[in-house]
Amino acid sequence: MGEAAVLELGRGALMAGLALCAPMLAAGLVVGMIVSIVLAATQIQEFTLTFVPKLAAMAAAGLLAAPWMLRTIVGFARSVLMQMGSVGP
């Protein structure tokens, strides 16, 4: 396995990791912004109120995106195993 193949494998792993995290991070970002705007508009000074809605939104996004995430990680693992099988001694 040459340097190019190892670098391509590392790039693929980083891209798969970023793609898998994106739905939950986006949900947390959107809900966090909405809750922050509501807290600022009502002048409530309790910043711990943002934790539960963000946690619930991220859990829901994780559950909704789970089939896609599973297909993505299985596809990546399959490609890695195929590359390992094609490398000879």
PDB file of N, CA and C in Angstrom:
ATOM      1  N   MET A   1       0.863  -1.166   0.000  1.00  0.00           N
ATOM      2  CA  MET A   1       0.000   0.000   0.000  1.00  0.00           C
ATOM      3  C   MET A   1       0.910   1.229   0.000  1.00  0.00           C
ATOM      4  N   GLY A   2       0.768   2.047  -1.023  1.00  0.00           N
ATOM      5  CA  GLY A   2       1.628   3.204  -1.161  1.00  0.00           C
ATOM      6  C   GLY A   2       1.130   4.402  -0.371  1.00  0.00           C
ATOM      7  N   GLU A   3       1.934   5.459  -0.443  1.00  0.00           N
ATOM      8  CA  GLU A   3       1.585   6.686   0.284  1.00  0.00           C
ATOM      9  C   GLU A   3       0.282   7.283  -0.207  1.00  0.00           C
ATOM     10  N   ALA A   4       0.068   7.251  -1.509  1.00  0.00           N
ATOM     11  CA  ALA A   4      -1.153   7.834  -2.074  1.00  0.00           C
ATOM     12  C   ALA A   4      -2.390   7.108  -1.574  1.00  0.00           C
ATOM     13  N   ALA A   5      -2.304   5.791  -1.475  1.00  0.00           N
ATOM     14  CA  ALA A   5      -3.451   5.009  -0.999  1.00  0.00           C
ATOM     15  C   ALA A   5      -3.737   5.293   0.471  1.00  0.00           C
ATOM     16  N   VAL A   6      -2.691   5.439   1.261  1.00  0.00           N
ATOM     17  CA  VAL A   6      -2.874   5.743   2.677  1.00  0.00           C
ATOM     18  C   VAL A   6      -3.468   7.132   2.859  1.00  0.00           C
ATOM     19  N   LEU A   7      -2.986   8.100   2.099  1.00  0.00           N
ATOM     20  CA  LEU A   7      -3.536   9.456   2.171  1.00  0.00           C
ATOM     21  C   LEU A   7      -4.998   9.485   1.712  1.00  0.00           C
ATOM     22  N   GLU A   8      -5.301   8.741   0.676  1.00  0.00           N
ATOM     23  CA  GLU A   8      -6.685   8.666   0.201  1.00  0.00           C
ATOM     24  C   GLU A   8      -7.582   7.994   1.246  1.00  0.00           C
ATOM     25  N   LEU A   9      -7.072   6.995   1.919  1.00  0.00           N
ATOM     26  CA  LEU A   9      -7.827   6.329   2.983  1.00  0.00           C
ATOM     27  C   LEU A   9      -8.083   7.284   4.147  1.00  0.00           C
ATOM     28  N   GLY A  10      -7.083   8.058   4.519  1.00  0.00           N
ATOM     29  CA  GLY A  10      -7.246   9.041   5.589  1.00  0.00           C
ATOM     30  C   GLY A  10      -8.221  10.132   5.216  1.00  0.00           C
ATOM     31  N   ARG A  11      -8.147  10.605   3.965  1.00  0.00           N
ATOM     32  CA  ARG A  11      -9.084  11.627   3.492  1.00  0.00           C
ATOM     33  C   ARG A  11     -10.509  11.087   3.496  1.00  0.00           C
ATOM     34  N   GLY A  12     -10.668   9.846   3.065  1.00  0.00           N
ATOM     35  CA  GLY A  12     -11.993   9.233   3.050  1.00  0.00           C
ATOM     36  C   GLY A  12     -12.553   9.066   4.456  1.00  0.00           C
ATOM     37  N   ALA A  13     -11.691   8.718   5.409  1.00  0.00           N
ATOM     38  CA  ALA A  13     -12.137   8.565   6.789  1.00  0.00           C
ATOM     39  C   ALA A  13     -12.579   9.897   7.379  1.00  0.00           C
ATOM     40  N   LEU A  14     -11.817  10.958   7.107  1.00  0.00           N
ATOM     41  CA  LEU A  14     -12.200  12.286   7.594  1.00  0.00           C
ATOM     42  C   LEU A  14     -13.507  12.758   6.975  1.00  0.00           C
ATOM     43  N   MET A  15     -13.663  12.558   5.685  1.00  0.00           N
ATOM     44  CA  MET A  15     -14.890  12.987   5.018  1.00  0.00           C
ATOM     45  C   MET A  15     -16.097  12.191   5.513  1.00  0.00           C
ATOM     46  N   ALA A  16     -15.926  10.896   5.732  1.00  0.00           N
ATOM     47  CA  ALA A  16     -17.029  10.080   6.255  1.00  0.00           C
ATOM     48  C   ALA A  16     -17.383  10.520   7.669  1.00  0.00           C
ATOM     49  N   GLY A  17     -16.389  10.807   8.479  1.00  0.00           N
ATOM     50  CA  GLY A  17     -16.652  11.273   9.841  1.00  0.00           C
ATOM     51  C   GLY A  17     -17.381  12.600   9.870  1.00  0.00           C
ATOM     52  N   LEU A  18     -16.967  13.520   9.008  1.00  0.00           N
ATOM     53  CA  LEU A  18     -17.652  14.814   8.931  1.00  0.00           C
ATOM     54  C   LEU A  18     -19.084  14.657   8.435  1.00  0.00           C
ATOM     55  N   ALA A  19     -19.279  13.799   7.458  1.00  0.00           N
ATOM     56  CA  ALA A  19     -20.628  13.581   6.932  1.00  0.00           C
ATOM     57  C   ALA A  19     -21.531  12.939   7.985  1.00  0.00           C
ATOM     58  N   LEU A  20     -20.991  12.040   8.786  1.00  0.00           N
ATOM     59  CA  LEU A  20     -21.791  11.374   9.813  1.00  0.00           C
ATOM     60  C   LEU A  20     -22.168  12.317  10.947  1.00  0.00           C
ATOM     61  N   CYS A  21     -21.324  13.273  11.251  1.00  0.00           N
ATOM     62  CA  CYS A  21     -21.599  14.222  12.340  1.00  0.00           C
ATOM     63  C   CYS A  21     -22.507  15.372  11.908  1.00  0.00           C
ATOM     64  N   ALA A  22     -22.564  15.657  10.627  1.00  0.00           N
ATOM     65  CA  ALA A  22     -23.259  16.848  10.131  1.00  0.00           C
ATOM     66  C   ALA A  22     -24.735  16.952  10.522  1.00  0.00           C
ATOM     67  N   PRO A  23     -25.548  15.894  10.407  1.00  0.00           N
ATOM     68  CA  PRO A  23     -26.969  16.068  10.745  1.00  0.00           C
ATOM     69  C   PRO A  23     -27.198  16.466  12.204  1.00  0.00           C
ATOM     70  N   MET A  24     -26.480  15.845  13.114  1.00  0.00           N
ATOM     71  CA  MET A  24     -26.666  16.158  14.530  1.00  0.00           C
ATOM     72  C   MET A  24     -26.116  17.532  14.882  1.00  0.00           C
ATOM     73  N   LEU A  25     -24.984  17.889  14.297  1.00  0.00           N
ATOM     74  CA  LEU A  25     -24.427  19.212  14.554  1.00  0.00           C
ATOM     75  C   LEU A  25     -25.320  20.317  13.999  1.00  0.00           C
ATOM     76  N   ALA A  26     -25.886  20.088  12.821  1.00  0.00           N
ATOM     77  CA  ALA A  26     -26.779  21.087  12.229  1.00  0.00           C
ATOM     78  C   ALA A  26     -28.041  21.254  13.068  1.00  0.00           C
ATOM     79  N   ALA A  27     -28.596  20.158  13.556  1.00  0.00           N
ATOM     80  CA  ALA A  27     -29.791  20.241  14.403  1.00  0.00           C
ATOM     81  C   ALA A  27     -29.482  20.988  15.692  1.00  0.00           C
ATOM     82  N   GLY A  28     -28.350  20.698  16.309  1.00  0.00           N
ATOM     83  CA  GLY A  28     -27.962  21.405  17.526  1.00  0.00           C
ATOM     84  C   GLY A  28     -27.736  22.883  17.286  1.00  0.00           C
ATOM     85  N   LEU A  29     -27.161  23.218  16.147  1.00  0.00           N
ATOM     86  CA  LEU A  29     -26.917  24.619  15.812  1.00  0.00           C
ATOM     87  C   LEU A  29     -28.221  25.385  15.617  1.00  0.00           C
ATOM     88  N   VAL A  30     -29.131  24.808  14.854  1.00  0.00           N
ATOM     89  CA  VAL A  30     -30.399  25.485  14.575  1.00  0.00           C
ATOM     90  C   VAL A  30     -31.211  25.666  15.851  1.00  0.00           C
ATOM     91  N   VAL A  31     -31.344  24.612  16.641  1.00  0.00           N
ATOM     92  CA  VAL A  31     -32.123  24.705  17.878  1.00  0.00           C
ATOM     93  C   VAL A  31     -31.446  25.645  18.864  1.00  0.00           C
ATOM     94  N   GLY A  32     -30.144  25.611  18.945  1.00  0.00           N
ATOM     95  CA  GLY A  32     -29.423  26.520  19.837  1.00  0.00           C
ATOM     96  C   GLY A  32     -29.638  27.973  19.471  1.00  0.00           C
ATOM     97  N   MET A  33     -29.620  28.263  18.177  1.00  0.00           N
ATOM     98  CA  MET A  33     -29.860  29.644  17.737  1.00  0.00           C
ATOM     99  C   MET A  33     -31.279  30.096  18.048  1.00  0.00           C
ATOM    100  N   ILE A  34     -32.245  29.223  17.805  1.00  0.00           N
ATOM    101  CA  ILE A  34     -33.643  29.576  18.081  1.00  0.00           C
ATOM    102  C   ILE A  34     -33.858  29.819  19.570  1.00  0.00           C
ATOM    103  N   VAL A  35     -33.337  28.927  20.400  1.00  0.00           N
ATOM    104  CA  VAL A  35     -33.498  29.087  21.847  1.00  0.00           C
ATOM    105  C   VAL A  35     -32.770  30.341  22.326  1.00  0.00           C
ATOM    106  N   SER A  36     -31.607  30.626  21.789  1.00  0.00           N
ATOM    107  CA  SER A  36     -30.870  31.822  22.186  1.00  0.00           C
ATOM    108  C   SER A  36     -31.621  33.094  21.815  1.00  0.00           C
ATOM    109  N   ILE A  37     -32.249  33.090  20.643  1.00  0.00           N
ATOM    110  CA  ILE A  37     -33.039  34.257  20.238  1.00  0.00           C
ATOM    111  C   ILE A  37     -34.239  34.440  21.170  1.00  0.00           C
ATOM    112  N   VAL A  38     -34.912  33.341  21.517  1.00  0.00           N
ATOM    113  CA  VAL A  38     -36.055  33.427  22.433  1.00  0.00           C
ATOM    114  C   VAL A  38     -35.598  33.920  23.806  1.00  0.00           C
ATOM    115  N   LEU A  39     -34.474  33.409  24.292  1.00  0.00           N
ATOM    116  CA  LEU A  39     -33.968  33.852  25.595  1.00  0.00           C
ATOM    117  C   LEU A  39     -33.580  35.328  25.573  1.00  0.00           C
ATOM    118  N   ALA A  40     -33.004  35.772  24.471  1.00  0.00           N
ATOM    119  CA  ALA A  40     -32.629  37.186  24.376  1.00  0.00           C
ATOM    120  C   ALA A  40     -33.859  38.080  24.271  1.00  0.00           C
ATOM    121  N   ALA A  41     -34.880  37.604  23.555  1.00  0.00           N
ATOM    122  CA  ALA A  41     -36.087  38.408  23.391  1.00  0.00           C
ATOM    123  C   ALA A  41     -36.863  38.531  24.700  1.00  0.00           C
ATOM    124  N   THR A  42     -36.842  37.484  25.504  1.00  0.00           N
ATOM    125  CA  THR A  42     -37.578  37.515  26.777  1.00  0.00           C
ATOM    126  C   THR A  42     -36.705  37.993  27.930  1.00  0.00           C
ATOM    127  N   GLN A  43     -35.439  38.235  27.662  1.00  0.00           N
ATOM    128  CA  GLN A  43     -34.468  38.699  28.658  1.00  0.00           C
ATOM    129  C   GLN A  43     -34.332  37.736  29.840  1.00  0.00           C
ATOM    130  N   ILE A  44     -34.460  36.450  29.547  1.00  0.00           N
ATOM    131  CA  ILE A  44     -34.211  35.435  30.571  1.00  0.00           C
ATOM    132  C   ILE A  44     -32.705  35.205  30.622  1.00  0.00           C
ATOM    133  N   GLN A  45     -32.136  35.175  31.803  1.00  0.00           N
ATOM    134  CA  GLN A  45     -30.688  35.054  31.959  1.00  0.00           C
ATOM    135  C   GLN A  45     -30.236  33.628  32.278  1.00  0.00           C
ATOM    136  N   GLU A  46     -31.092  32.659  32.099  1.00  0.00           N
ATOM    137  CA  GLU A  46     -30.758  31.266  32.418  1.00  0.00           C
ATOM    138  C   GLU A  46     -30.262  30.564  31.156  1.00  0.00           C
ATOM    139  N   PHE A  47     -28.974  30.377  31.050  1.00  0.00           N
ATOM    140  CA  PHE A  47     -28.401  29.800  29.840  1.00  0.00           C
ATOM    141  C   PHE A  47     -28.376  28.281  29.862  1.00  0.00           C
ATOM    142  N   THR A  48     -28.735  27.675  30.981  1.00  0.00           N
ATOM    143  CA  THR A  48     -28.804  26.212  31.020  1.00  0.00           C
ATOM    144  C   THR A  48     -30.066  25.705  30.338  1.00  0.00           C
ATOM    145  N   LEU A  49     -31.014  26.586  30.006  1.00  0.00           N
ATOM    146  CA  LEU A  49     -32.238  26.176  29.324  1.00  0.00           C
ATOM    147  C   LEU A  49     -31.974  25.710  27.898  1.00  0.00           C
ATOM    148  N   THR A  50     -30.843  26.046  27.338  1.00  0.00           N
ATOM    149  CA  THR A  50     -30.543  25.639  25.961  1.00  0.00           C
ATOM    150  C   THR A  50     -30.105  24.184  25.874  1.00  0.00           C
ATOM    151  N   PHE A  51     -29.702  23.595  26.977  1.00  0.00           N
ATOM    152  CA  PHE A  51     -29.119  22.250  26.929  1.00  0.00           C
ATOM    153  C   PHE A  51     -30.148  21.189  26.557  1.00  0.00           C
ATOM    154  N   VAL A  52     -31.277  21.166  27.208  1.00  0.00           N
ATOM    155  CA  VAL A  52     -32.266  20.107  26.981  1.00  0.00           C
ATOM    156  C   VAL A  52     -32.847  20.152  25.569  1.00  0.00           C
ATOM    157  N   PRO A  53     -33.264  21.305  25.038  1.00  0.00           N
ATOM    158  CA  PRO A  53     -33.771  21.302  23.656  1.00  0.00           C
ATOM    159  C   PRO A  53     -32.712  20.883  22.631  1.00  0.00           C
ATOM    160  N   LYS A  54     -31.459  21.327  22.830  1.00  0.00           N
ATOM    161  CA  LYS A  54     -30.407  20.925  21.896  1.00  0.00           C
ATOM    162  C   LYS A  54     -30.158  19.426  21.976  1.00  0.00           C
ATOM    163  N   LEU A  55     -30.148  18.880  23.180  1.00  0.00           N
ATOM    164  CA  LEU A  55     -29.942  17.444  23.352  1.00  0.00           C
ATOM    165  C   LEU A  55     -31.059  16.658  22.693  1.00  0.00           C
ATOM    166  N   ALA A  56     -32.301  17.098  22.881  1.00  0.00           N
ATOM    167  CA  ALA A  56     -33.439  16.409  22.271  1.00  0.00           C
ATOM    168  C   ALA A  56     -33.392  16.501  20.748  1.00  0.00           C
ATOM    169  N   ALA A  57     -33.045  17.658  20.219  1.00  0.00           N
ATOM    170  CA  ALA A  57     -32.966  17.830  18.763  1.00  0.00           C
ATOM    171  C   ALA A  57     -31.848  16.985  18.168  1.00  0.00           C
ATOM    172  N   MET A  58     -30.727  16.914  18.854  1.00  0.00           N
ATOM    173  CA  MET A  58     -29.618  16.107  18.347  1.00  0.00           C
ATOM    174  C   MET A  58     -29.951  14.623  18.404  1.00  0.00           C
ATOM    175  N   ALA A  59     -30.650  14.187  19.443  1.00  0.00           N
ATOM    176  CA  ALA A  59     -31.067  12.788  19.535  1.00  0.00           C
ATOM    177  C   ALA A  59     -32.065  12.451  18.436  1.00  0.00           C
ATOM    178  N   ALA A  60     -33.014  13.361  18.186  1.00  0.00           N
ATOM    179  CA  ALA A  60     -33.994  13.133  17.124  1.00  0.00           C
ATOM    180  C   ALA A  60     -33.315  13.095  15.754  1.00  0.00           C
ATOM    181  N   ALA A  61     -32.384  13.989  15.527  1.00  0.00           N
ATOM    182  CA  ALA A  61     -31.655  13.989  14.254  1.00  0.00           C
ATOM    183  C   ALA A  61     -30.848  12.710  14.095  1.00  0.00           C
ATOM    184  N   GLY A  62     -30.260  12.240  15.190  1.00  0.00           N
ATOM    185  CA  GLY A  62     -29.514  10.990  15.135  1.00  0.00           C
ATOM    186  C   GLY A  62     -30.402   9.807  14.809  1.00  0.00           C
ATOM    187  N   LEU A  63     -31.597   9.783  15.392  1.00  0.00           N
ATOM    188  CA  LEU A  63     -32.521   8.689  15.101  1.00  0.00           C
ATOM    189  C   LEU A  63     -33.055   8.753  13.674  1.00  0.00           C
ATOM    190  N   LEU A  64     -33.349   9.954  13.204  1.00  0.00           N
ATOM    191  CA  LEU A  64     -33.859  10.093  11.841  1.00  0.00           C
ATOM    192  C   LEU A  64     -32.791   9.792  10.795  1.00  0.00           C
ATOM    193  N   ALA A  65     -31.560  10.136  11.083  1.00  0.00           N
ATOM    194  CA  ALA A  65     -30.476   9.941  10.118  1.00  0.00           C
ATOM    195  C   ALA A  65     -29.766   8.599  10.287  1.00  0.00           C
ATOM    196  N   ALA A  66     -30.196   7.798  11.250  1.00  0.00           N
ATOM    197  CA  ALA A  66     -29.494   6.535  11.534  1.00  0.00           C
ATOM    198  C   ALA A  66     -29.399   5.601  10.324  1.00  0.00           C
ATOM    199  N   PRO A  67     -30.467   5.383   9.547  1.00  0.00           N
ATOM    200  CA  PRO A  67     -30.311   4.488   8.388  1.00  0.00           C
ATOM    201  C   PRO A  67     -29.284   5.007   7.378  1.00  0.00           C
ATOM    202  N   TRP A  68     -29.322   6.306   7.102  1.00  0.00           N
ATOM    203  CA  TRP A  68     -28.352   6.883   6.173  1.00  0.00           C
ATOM    204  C   TRP A  68     -26.939   6.780   6.736  1.00  0.00           C
ATOM    205  N   MET A  69     -26.793   7.051   8.033  1.00  0.00           N
ATOM    206  CA  MET A  69     -25.478   6.977   8.657  1.00  0.00           C
ATOM    207  C   MET A  69     -24.934   5.554   8.594  1.00  0.00           C
ATOM    208  N   LEU A  70     -25.798   4.578   8.831  1.00  0.00           N
ATOM    209  CA  LEU A  70     -25.370   3.181   8.774  1.00  0.00           C
ATOM    210  C   LEU A  70     -24.935   2.801   7.369  1.00  0.00           C
ATOM    211  N   ARG A  71     -25.707   3.226   6.355  1.00  0.00           N
ATOM    212  CA  ARG A  71     -25.314   2.939   4.969  1.00  0.00           C
ATOM    213  C   ARG A  71     -23.977   3.594   4.630  1.00  0.00           C
ATOM    214  N   THR A  72     -23.774   4.815   5.114  1.00  0.00           N
ATOM    215  CA  THR A  72     -22.526   5.527   4.831  1.00  0.00           C
ATOM    216  C   THR A  72     -21.333   4.815   5.448  1.00  0.00           C
ATOM    217  N   ILE A  73     -21.436   4.437   6.709  1.00  0.00           N
ATOM    218  CA  ILE A  73     -20.299   3.807   7.382  1.00  0.00           C
ATOM    219  C   ILE A  73     -20.046   2.392   6.849  1.00  0.00           C
ATOM    220  N   VAL A  74     -21.100   1.685   6.482  1.00  0.00           N
ATOM    221  CA  VAL A  74     -20.920   0.349   5.902  1.00  0.00           C
ATOM    222  C   VAL A  74     -20.269   0.459   4.529  1.00  0.00           C
ATOM    223  N   GLY A  75     -20.673   1.455   3.746  1.00  0.00           N
ATOM    224  CA  GLY A  75     -20.046   1.664   2.440  1.00  0.00           C
ATOM    225  C   GLY A  75     -18.570   2.005   2.564  1.00  0.00           C
ATOM    226  N   PHE A  76     -18.238   2.842   3.545  1.00  0.00           N
ATOM    227  CA  PHE A  76     -16.836   3.187   3.752  1.00  0.00           C
ATOM    228  C   PHE A  76     -16.044   1.965   4.208  1.00  0.00           C
ATOM    229  N   ALA A  77     -16.589   1.203   5.147  1.00  0.00           N
ATOM    230  CA  ALA A  77     -15.895   0.008   5.629  1.00  0.00           C
ATOM    231  C   ALA A  77     -15.725  -1.011   4.509  1.00  0.00           C
ATOM    232  N   ARG A  78     -16.745  -1.138   3.666  1.00  0.00           N
ATOM    233  CA  ARG A  78     -16.649  -2.070   2.538  1.00  0.00           C
ATOM    234  C   ARG A  78     -15.536  -1.648   1.584  1.00  0.00           C
ATOM    235  N   SER A  79     -15.432  -0.351   1.299  1.00  0.00           N
ATOM    236  CA  SER A  79     -14.382   0.107   0.382  1.00  0.00           C
ATOM    237  C   SER A  79     -12.989  -0.098   0.987  1.00  0.00           C
ATOM    238  N   VAL A  80     -12.871   0.119   2.302  1.00  0.00           N
ATOM    239  CA  VAL A  80     -11.573  -0.104   2.962  1.00  0.00           C
ATOM    240  C   VAL A  80     -11.203  -1.578   2.906  1.00  0.00           C
ATOM    241  N   LEU A  81     -12.168  -2.450   3.194  1.00  0.00           N
ATOM    242  CA  LEU A  81     -11.876  -3.892   3.163  1.00  0.00           C
ATOM    243  C   LEU A  81     -11.562  -4.375   1.754  1.00  0.00           C
ATOM    244  N   MET A  82     -12.206  -3.805   0.755  1.00  0.00           N
ATOM    245  CA  MET A  82     -11.899  -4.175  -0.629  1.00  0.00           C
ATOM    246  C   MET A  82     -10.482  -3.739  -0.993  1.00  0.00           C
ATOM    247  N   GLN A  83     -10.079  -2.554  -0.530  1.00  0.00           N
ATOM    248  CA  GLN A  83      -8.720  -2.095  -0.796  1.00  0.00           C
ATOM    249  C   GLN A  83      -7.704  -2.977  -0.078  1.00  0.00           C
ATOM    250  N   MET A  84      -8.033  -3.410   1.125  1.00  0.00           N
ATOM    251  CA  MET A  84      -7.110  -4.280   1.858  1.00  0.00           C
ATOM    252  C   MET A  84      -6.992  -5.645   1.170  1.00  0.00           C
ATOM    253  N   GLY A  85      -8.083  -6.099   0.589  1.00  0.00           N
ATOM    254  CA  GLY A  85      -8.044  -7.389  -0.101  1.00  0.00           C
ATOM    255  C   GLY A  85      -7.264  -7.339  -1.386  1.00  0.00           C
ATOM    256  N   SER A  86      -7.177  -6.175  -2.010  1.00  0.00           N
ATOM    257  CA  SER A  86      -6.453  -6.075  -3.276  1.00  0.00           C
ATOM    258  C   SER A  86      -4.956  -5.880  -3.108  1.00  0.00           C
ATOM    259  N   VAL A  87      -4.516  -5.608  -1.869  1.00  0.00           N
ATOM    260  CA  VAL A  87      -3.093  -5.411  -1.600  1.00  0.00           C
ATOM    261  C   VAL A  87      -2.456  -6.778  -1.397  1.00  0.00           C
ATOM    262  N   GLY A  88      -1.443  -7.032  -2.170  1.00  0.00           N
ATOM    263  CA  GLY A  88      -0.751  -8.315  -2.064  1.00  0.00           C
ATOM    264  C   GLY A  88       0.449  -8.245  -1.146  1.00  0.00           C
ATOM    265  N   PRO A  89       0.987  -9.415  -0.763  1.00  0.00           N
ATOM    266  CA  PRO A  89       2.166  -9.423   0.119  1.00  0.00           C
ATOM    267  C   PRO A  89       3.425  -8.949  -0.567  1.00  0.00           C
TER     268      PRO A  89
END
